[in-house]
Amino acid sequence: MSDDKAEQLAETLATGRWTHDYPLTYEELLGLPVSTDMPPDVYSFMELFPQPKQRVPSVQYIPVPARHPVSRDHEH
């Protein structure tokens, strides 16, 4: 992958497009070299721990810096 493509990909993955509780599908992996070949034992193991699909993300991304309250300790 070229440096430009890697930088674009890093920007996409790190800027809140998805939250940590959103599973990326094979189709969404943006050209990353991945494989869909999975040993059947892995699927059997994963079935032991079903995860409910969430319609509302449990994390909200706010793309602006947080505002910190002004301390009143320094007022006279």
PDB file of N, CA and C in Angstrom:
ATOM      1  N   MET A   1       0.861  -1.170   0.000  1.00  0.00           N
ATOM      2  CA  MET A   1       0.000   0.000   0.000  1.00  0.00           C
ATOM      3  C   MET A   1       0.905   1.230   0.000  1.00  0.00           C
ATOM      4  N   SER A   2       0.553   2.195  -0.800  1.00  0.00           N
ATOM      5  CA  SER A   2       1.365   3.410  -0.873  1.00  0.00           C
ATOM      6  C   SER A   2       1.235   4.207   0.430  1.00  0.00           C
ATOM      7  N   ASP A   3       2.187   5.094   0.657  1.00  0.00           N
ATOM      8  CA  ASP A   3       2.139   5.938   1.847  1.00  0.00           C
ATOM      9  C   ASP A   3       0.884   6.801   1.861  1.00  0.00           C
ATOM     10  N   ASP A   4       0.508   7.351   0.685  1.00  0.00           N
ATOM     11  CA  ASP A   4      -0.700   8.187   0.611  1.00  0.00           C
ATOM     12  C   ASP A   4      -1.947   7.389   0.958  1.00  0.00           C
ATOM     13  N   LYS A   5      -2.052   6.172   0.414  1.00  0.00           N
ATOM     14  CA  LYS A   5      -3.214   5.316   0.693  1.00  0.00           C
ATOM     15  C   LYS A   5      -3.240   4.940   2.180  1.00  0.00           C
ATOM     16  N   ALA A   6      -2.077   4.624   2.753  1.00  0.00           N
ATOM     17  CA  ALA A   6      -1.992   4.272   4.172  1.00  0.00           C
ATOM     18  C   ALA A   6      -2.405   5.453   5.045  1.00  0.00           C
ATOM     19  N   GLU A   7      -2.002   6.665   4.657  1.00  0.00           N
ATOM     20  CA  GLU A   7      -2.371   7.852   5.426  1.00  0.00           C
ATOM     21  C   GLU A   7      -3.875   8.099   5.355  1.00  0.00           C
ATOM     22  N   GLN A   8      -4.459   7.945   4.158  1.00  0.00           N
ATOM     23  CA  GLN A   8      -5.919   8.098   4.006  1.00  0.00           C
ATOM     24  C   GLN A   8      -6.661   7.069   4.856  1.00  0.00           C
ATOM     25  N   LEU A   9      -6.189   5.835   4.821  1.00  0.00           N
ATOM     26  CA  LEU A   9      -6.823   4.768   5.582  1.00  0.00           C
ATOM     27  C   LEU A   9      -6.731   5.033   7.080  1.00  0.00           C
ATOM     28  N   ALA A  10      -5.568   5.459   7.545  1.00  0.00           N
ATOM     29  CA  ALA A  10      -5.398   5.783   8.963  1.00  0.00           C
ATOM     30  C   ALA A  10      -6.336   6.903   9.376  1.00  0.00           C
ATOM     31  N   GLU A  11      -6.470   7.920   8.539  1.00  0.00           N
ATOM     32  CA  GLU A  11      -7.371   9.033   8.816  1.00  0.00           C
ATOM     33  C   GLU A  11      -8.819   8.542   8.925  1.00  0.00           C
ATOM     34  N   THR A  12      -9.220   7.690   7.993  1.00  0.00           N
ATOM     35  CA  THR A  12     -10.588   7.154   8.003  1.00  0.00           C
ATOM     36  C   THR A  12     -10.851   6.332   9.257  1.00  0.00           C
ATOM     37  N   LEU A  13      -9.901   5.491   9.627  1.00  0.00           N
ATOM     38  CA  LEU A  13     -10.104   4.602  10.775  1.00  0.00           C
ATOM     39  C   LEU A  13     -10.008   5.329  12.117  1.00  0.00           C
ATOM     40  N   ALA A  14      -9.328   6.465  12.162  1.00  0.00           N
ATOM     41  CA  ALA A  14      -9.056   7.115  13.444  1.00  0.00           C
ATOM     42  C   ALA A  14      -9.873   8.372  13.718  1.00  0.00           C
ATOM     43  N   THR A  15     -10.778   8.753  12.841  1.00  0.00           N
ATOM     44  CA  THR A  15     -11.452  10.027  13.044  1.00  0.00           C
ATOM     45  C   THR A  15     -12.931   9.913  13.366  1.00  0.00           C
ATOM     46  N   GLY A  16     -13.347   8.778  13.901  1.00  0.00           N
ATOM     47  CA  GLY A  16     -14.711   8.679  14.409  1.00  0.00           C
ATOM     48  C   GLY A  16     -15.771   8.272  13.421  1.00  0.00           C
ATOM     49  N   ARG A  17     -15.383   7.818  12.253  1.00  0.00           N
ATOM     50  CA  ARG A  17     -16.375   7.332  11.289  1.00  0.00           C
ATOM     51  C   ARG A  17     -17.129   6.154  11.887  1.00  0.00           C
ATOM     52  N   TRP A  18     -16.405   5.309  12.596  1.00  0.00           N
ATOM     53  CA  TRP A  18     -17.009   4.182  13.297  1.00  0.00           C
ATOM     54  C   TRP A  18     -16.556   4.215  14.750  1.00  0.00           C
ATOM     55  N   THR A  19     -17.390   3.706  15.639  1.00  0.00           N
ATOM     56  CA  THR A  19     -17.002   3.588  17.039  1.00  0.00           C
ATOM     57  C   THR A  19     -16.466   2.183  17.280  1.00  0.00           C
ATOM     58  N   HIS A  20     -15.841   1.976  18.430  1.00  0.00           N
ATOM     59  CA  HIS A  20     -15.222   0.676  18.719  1.00  0.00           C
ATOM     60  C   HIS A  20     -16.244  -0.445  18.801  1.00  0.00           C
ATOM     61  N   ASP A  21     -17.524  -0.130  18.967  1.00  0.00           N
ATOM     62  CA  ASP A  21     -18.533  -1.186  19.069  1.00  0.00           C
ATOM     63  C   ASP A  21     -19.190  -1.500  17.727  1.00  0.00           C
ATOM     64  N   TYR A  22     -18.672  -0.953  16.636  1.00  0.00           N
ATOM     65  CA  TYR A  22     -19.198  -1.220  15.300  1.00  0.00           C
ATOM     66  C   TYR A  22     -18.268  -2.193  14.593  1.00  0.00           C
ATOM     67  N   PRO A  23     -18.726  -3.410  14.305  1.00  0.00           N
ATOM     68  CA  PRO A  23     -17.853  -4.376  13.632  1.00  0.00           C
ATOM     69  C   PRO A  23     -17.753  -4.054  12.143  1.00  0.00           C
ATOM     70  N   LEU A  24     -16.557  -3.926  11.645  1.00  0.00           N
ATOM     71  CA  LEU A  24     -16.350  -3.694  10.217  1.00  0.00           C
ATOM     72  C   LEU A  24     -16.523  -5.005   9.466  1.00  0.00           C
ATOM     73  N   THR A  25     -17.269  -4.975   8.378  1.00  0.00           N
ATOM     74  CA  THR A  25     -17.455  -6.173   7.560  1.00  0.00           C
ATOM     75  C   THR A  25     -16.346  -6.256   6.518  1.00  0.00           C
ATOM     76  N   TYR A  26     -16.243  -7.391   5.898  1.00  0.00           N
ATOM     77  CA  TYR A  26     -15.238  -7.607   4.856  1.00  0.00           C
ATOM     78  C   TYR A  26     -15.367  -6.552   3.762  1.00  0.00           C
ATOM     79  N   GLU A  27     -16.587  -6.216   3.405  1.00  0.00           N
ATOM     80  CA  GLU A  27     -16.826  -5.234   2.345  1.00  0.00           C
ATOM     81  C   GLU A  27     -16.399  -3.821   2.753  1.00  0.00           C
ATOM     82  N   GLU A  28     -16.343  -3.557   4.043  1.00  0.00           N
ATOM     83  CA  GLU A  28     -16.008  -2.218   4.540  1.00  0.00           C
ATOM     84  C   GLU A  28     -14.527  -2.036   4.868  1.00  0.00           C
ATOM     85  N   LEU A  29     -13.710  -3.020   4.605  1.00  0.00           N
ATOM     86  CA  LEU A  29     -12.322  -2.969   5.068  1.00  0.00           C
ATOM     87  C   LEU A  29     -11.395  -2.153   4.180  1.00  0.00           C
ATOM     88  N   LEU A  30     -11.950  -1.413   3.249  1.00  0.00           N
ATOM     89  CA  LEU A  30     -11.238  -0.344   2.554  1.00  0.00           C
ATOM     90  C   LEU A  30      -9.946  -0.777   1.885  1.00  0.00           C
ATOM     91  N   GLY A  31      -9.936  -1.965   1.313  1.00  0.00           N
ATOM     92  CA  GLY A  31      -8.746  -2.400   0.593  1.00  0.00           C
ATOM     93  C   GLY A  31      -7.658  -3.009   1.457  1.00  0.00           C
ATOM     94  N   LEU A  32      -7.923  -3.225   2.733  1.00  0.00           N
ATOM     95  CA  LEU A  32      -6.922  -3.880   3.572  1.00  0.00           C
ATOM     96  C   LEU A  32      -6.785  -5.341   3.137  1.00  0.00           C
ATOM     97  N   PRO A  33      -5.575  -5.890   3.184  1.00  0.00           N
ATOM     98  CA  PRO A  33      -5.383  -7.287   2.780  1.00  0.00           C
ATOM     99  C   PRO A  33      -5.881  -8.241   3.870  1.00  0.00           C
ATOM    100  N   VAL A  34      -7.124  -8.644   3.765  1.00  0.00           N
ATOM    101  CA  VAL A  34      -7.714  -9.564   4.734  1.00  0.00           C
ATOM    102  C   VAL A  34      -8.224 -10.803   4.009  1.00  0.00           C
ATOM    103  N   SER A  35      -8.508 -11.823   4.753  1.00  0.00           N
ATOM    104  CA  SER A  35      -9.027 -13.067   4.196  1.00  0.00           C
ATOM    105  C   SER A  35     -10.319 -13.418   4.916  1.00  0.00           C
ATOM    106  N   THR A  36     -11.237 -14.010   4.187  1.00  0.00           N
ATOM    107  CA  THR A  36     -12.471 -14.477   4.815  1.00  0.00           C
ATOM    108  C   THR A  36     -12.389 -15.967   5.148  1.00  0.00           C
ATOM    109  N   ASP A  37     -11.244 -16.584   4.883  1.00  0.00           N
ATOM    110  CA  ASP A  37     -11.058 -18.000   5.219  1.00  0.00           C
ATOM    111  C   ASP A  37     -10.898 -18.120   6.731  1.00  0.00           C
ATOM    112  N   MET A  38     -11.833 -18.808   7.352  1.00  0.00           N
ATOM    113  CA  MET A  38     -11.806 -18.963   8.808  1.00  0.00           C
ATOM    114  C   MET A  38     -12.021 -20.447   9.112  1.00  0.00           C
ATOM    115  N   PRO A  39     -11.190 -21.021   9.962  1.00  0.00           N
ATOM    116  CA  PRO A  39     -11.400 -22.423  10.314  1.00  0.00           C
ATOM    117  C   PRO A  39     -12.776 -22.610  10.970  1.00  0.00           C
ATOM    118  N   PRO A  40     -13.488 -23.686  10.646  1.00  0.00           N
ATOM    119  CA  PRO A  40     -14.818 -23.931  11.231  1.00  0.00           C
ATOM    120  C   PRO A  40     -14.827 -23.908  12.761  1.00  0.00           C
ATOM    121  N   ASP A  41     -13.728 -24.303  13.390  1.00  0.00           N
ATOM    122  CA  ASP A  41     -13.674 -24.305  14.857  1.00  0.00           C
ATOM    123  C   ASP A  41     -13.823 -22.893  15.424  1.00  0.00           C
ATOM    124  N   VAL A  42     -13.344 -21.897  14.716  1.00  0.00           N
ATOM    125  CA  VAL A  42     -13.462 -20.516  15.176  1.00  0.00           C
ATOM    126  C   VAL A  42     -14.930 -20.107  15.201  1.00  0.00           C
ATOM    127  N   TYR A  43     -15.667 -20.444  14.140  1.00  0.00           N
ATOM    128  CA  TYR A  43     -17.097 -20.129  14.118  1.00  0.00           C
ATOM    129  C   TYR A  43     -17.841 -20.855  15.234  1.00  0.00           C
ATOM    130  N   SER A  44     -17.487 -22.108  15.460  1.00  0.00           N
ATOM    131  CA  SER A  44     -18.120 -22.864  16.547  1.00  0.00           C
ATOM    132  C   SER A  44     -17.862 -22.199  17.895  1.00  0.00           C
ATOM    133  N   PHE A  45     -16.643 -21.747  18.109  1.00  0.00           N
ATOM    134  CA  PHE A  45     -16.298 -21.076  19.357  1.00  0.00           C
ATOM    135  C   PHE A  45     -17.060 -19.759  19.498  1.00  0.00           C
ATOM    136  N   MET A  46     -17.123 -18.988  18.415  1.00  0.00           N
ATOM    137  CA  MET A  46     -17.811 -17.694  18.448  1.00  0.00           C
ATOM    138  C   MET A  46     -19.301 -17.848  18.744  1.00  0.00           C
ATOM    139  N   GLU A  47     -19.904 -18.946  18.325  1.00  0.00           N
ATOM    140  CA  GLU A  47     -21.323 -19.181  18.595  1.00  0.00           C
ATOM    141  C   GLU A  47     -21.608 -19.334  20.091  1.00  0.00           C
ATOM    142  N   LEU A  48     -20.599 -19.648  20.872  1.00  0.00           N
ATOM    143  CA  LEU A  48     -20.770 -19.779  22.323  1.00  0.00           C
ATOM    144  C   LEU A  48     -20.967 -18.418  22.998  1.00  0.00           C
ATOM    145  N   PHE A  49     -20.636 -17.336  22.304  1.00  0.00           N
ATOM    146  CA  PHE A  49     -20.691 -15.996  22.879  1.00  0.00           C
ATOM    147  C   PHE A  49     -21.442 -15.044  21.955  1.00  0.00           C
ATOM    148  N   PRO A  50     -22.751 -15.230  21.781  1.00  0.00           N
ATOM    149  CA  PRO A  50     -23.500 -14.359  20.872  1.00  0.00           C
ATOM    150  C   PRO A  50     -23.511 -12.915  21.367  1.00  0.00           C
ATOM    151  N   GLN A  51     -23.414 -12.003  20.428  1.00  0.00           N
ATOM    152  CA  GLN A  51     -23.429 -10.570  20.742  1.00  0.00           C
ATOM    153  C   GLN A  51     -24.659  -9.951  20.092  1.00  0.00           C
ATOM    154  N   PRO A  52     -25.481  -9.258  20.861  1.00  0.00           N
ATOM    155  CA  PRO A  52     -26.663  -8.629  20.259  1.00  0.00           C
ATOM    156  C   PRO A  52     -26.254  -7.471  19.348  1.00  0.00           C
ATOM    157  N   LYS A  53     -26.953  -7.328  18.248  1.00  0.00           N
ATOM    158  CA  LYS A  53     -26.733  -6.181  17.360  1.00  0.00           C
ATOM    159  C   LYS A  53     -27.334  -4.955  18.020  1.00  0.00           C
ATOM    160  N   GLN A  54     -26.592  -3.875  18.070  1.00  0.00           N
ATOM    161  CA  GLN A  54     -27.082  -2.633  18.658  1.00  0.00           C
ATOM    162  C   GLN A  54     -27.452  -1.680  17.541  1.00  0.00           C
ATOM    163  N   ARG A  55     -28.618  -1.083  17.654  1.00  0.00           N
ATOM    164  CA  ARG A  55     -29.040  -0.110  16.652  1.00  0.00           C
ATOM    165  C   ARG A  55     -28.490   1.277  16.961  1.00  0.00           C
ATOM    166  N   VAL A  56     -28.227   1.537  18.223  1.00  0.00           N
ATOM    167  CA  VAL A  56     -27.709   2.844  18.634  1.00  0.00           C
ATOM    168  C   VAL A  56     -26.296   2.628  19.181  1.00  0.00           C
ATOM    169  N   PRO A  57     -25.301   3.327  18.657  1.00  0.00           N
ATOM    170  CA  PRO A  57     -23.947   3.154  19.181  1.00  0.00           C
ATOM    171  C   PRO A  57     -23.870   3.492  20.664  1.00  0.00           C
ATOM    172  N   SER A  58     -23.028   2.768  21.386  1.00  0.00           N
ATOM    173  CA  SER A  58     -22.870   3.043  22.810  1.00  0.00           C
ATOM    174  C   SER A  58     -21.861   4.164  23.051  1.00  0.00           C
ATOM    175  N   VAL A  59     -21.198   4.601  21.991  1.00  0.00           N
ATOM    176  CA  VAL A  59     -20.221   5.673  22.086  1.00  0.00           C
ATOM    177  C   VAL A  59     -20.597   6.729  21.060  1.00  0.00           C
ATOM    178  N   GLN A  60     -20.524   7.977  21.456  1.00  0.00           N
ATOM    179  CA  GLN A  60     -20.806   9.061  20.525  1.00  0.00           C
ATOM    180  C   GLN A  60     -19.513   9.803  20.241  1.00  0.00           C
ATOM    181  N   TYR A  61     -19.212  10.006  18.982  1.00  0.00           N
ATOM    182  CA  TYR A  61     -18.006  10.719  18.580  1.00  0.00           C
ATOM    183  C   TYR A  61     -18.351  12.192  18.408  1.00  0.00           C
ATOM    184  N   ILE A  62     -17.591  13.043  19.055  1.00  0.00           N
ATOM    185  CA  ILE A  62     -17.785  14.486  18.937  1.00  0.00           C
ATOM    186  C   ILE A  62     -16.506  15.051  18.325  1.00  0.00           C
ATOM    187  N   PRO A  63     -16.559  15.500  17.073  1.00  0.00           N
ATOM    188  CA  PRO A  63     -15.330  15.872  16.365  1.00  0.00           C
ATOM    189  C   PRO A  63     -14.767  17.250  16.692  1.00  0.00           C
ATOM    190  N   VAL A  64     -14.981  17.749  17.881  1.00  0.00           N
ATOM    191  CA  VAL A  64     -14.403  19.026  18.299  1.00  0.00           C
ATOM    192  C   VAL A  64     -13.732  18.826  19.649  1.00  0.00           C
ATOM    193  N   PRO A  65     -12.722  19.615  19.953  1.00  0.00           N
ATOM    194  CA  PRO A  65     -12.079  19.473  21.268  1.00  0.00           C
ATOM    195  C   PRO A  65     -13.070  19.775  22.395  1.00  0.00           C
ATOM    196  N   ALA A  66     -12.930  19.039  23.472  1.00  0.00           N
ATOM    197  CA  ALA A  66     -13.785  19.278  24.640  1.00  0.00           C
ATOM    198  C   ALA A  66     -13.425  20.620  25.248  1.00  0.00           C
ATOM    199  N   ARG A  67     -14.420  21.336  25.724  1.00  0.00           N
ATOM    200  CA  ARG A  67     -14.171  22.617  26.396  1.00  0.00           C
ATOM    201  C   ARG A  67     -14.003  22.354  27.875  1.00  0.00           C
ATOM    202  N   HIS A  68     -12.934  22.860  28.429  1.00  0.00           N
ATOM    203  CA  HIS A  68     -12.677  22.695  29.854  1.00  0.00           C
ATOM    204  C   HIS A  68     -13.191  23.933  30.590  1.00  0.00           C
ATOM    205  N   PRO A  69     -13.908  23.737  31.696  1.00  0.00           N
ATOM    206  CA  PRO A  69     -14.391  24.902  32.435  1.00  0.00           C
ATOM    207  C   PRO A  69     -13.229  25.736  32.961  1.00  0.00           C
ATOM    208  N   VAL A  70     -13.422  27.025  32.988  1.00  0.00           N
ATOM    209  CA  VAL A  70     -12.405  27.940  33.512  1.00  0.00           C
ATOM    210  C   VAL A  70     -12.375  27.801  35.026  1.00  0.00           C
ATOM    211  N   SER A  71     -11.201  27.605  35.555  1.00  0.00           N
ATOM    212  CA  SER A  71     -11.048  27.480  36.997  1.00  0.00           C
ATOM    213  C   SER A  71     -11.258  28.833  37.650  1.00  0.00           C
ATOM    214  N   ARG A  72     -12.001  28.888  38.739  1.00  0.00           N
ATOM    215  CA  ARG A  72     -12.232  30.125  39.471  1.00  0.00           C
ATOM    216  C   ARG A  72     -11.246  30.293  40.621  1.00  0.00           C
ATOM    217  N   ASP A  73     -10.324  29.327  40.750  1.00  0.00           N
ATOM    218  CA  ASP A  73      -9.332  29.393  41.831  1.00  0.00           C
ATOM    219  C   ASP A  73      -8.412  30.604  41.697  1.00  0.00           C
ATOM    220  N   HIS A  74      -8.230  31.100  40.468  1.00  0.00           N
ATOM    221  CA  HIS A  74      -7.281  32.176  40.247  1.00  0.00           C
ATOM    222  C   HIS A  74      -7.941  33.548  40.266  1.00  0.00           C
ATOM    223  N   GLU A  75      -9.234  33.634  40.513  1.00  0.00           N
ATOM    224  CA  GLU A  75      -9.909  34.923  40.577  1.00  0.00           C
ATOM    225  C   GLU A  75      -9.643  35.581  41.937  1.00  0.00           C
ATOM    226  N   HIS A  76      -9.561  36.871  41.937  1.00  0.00           N
ATOM    227  CA  HIS A  76      -9.294  37.583  43.201  1.00  0.00           C
ATOM    228  C   HIS A  76     -10.552  38.241  43.701  1.00  0.00           C
TER     229      HIS A  76
END
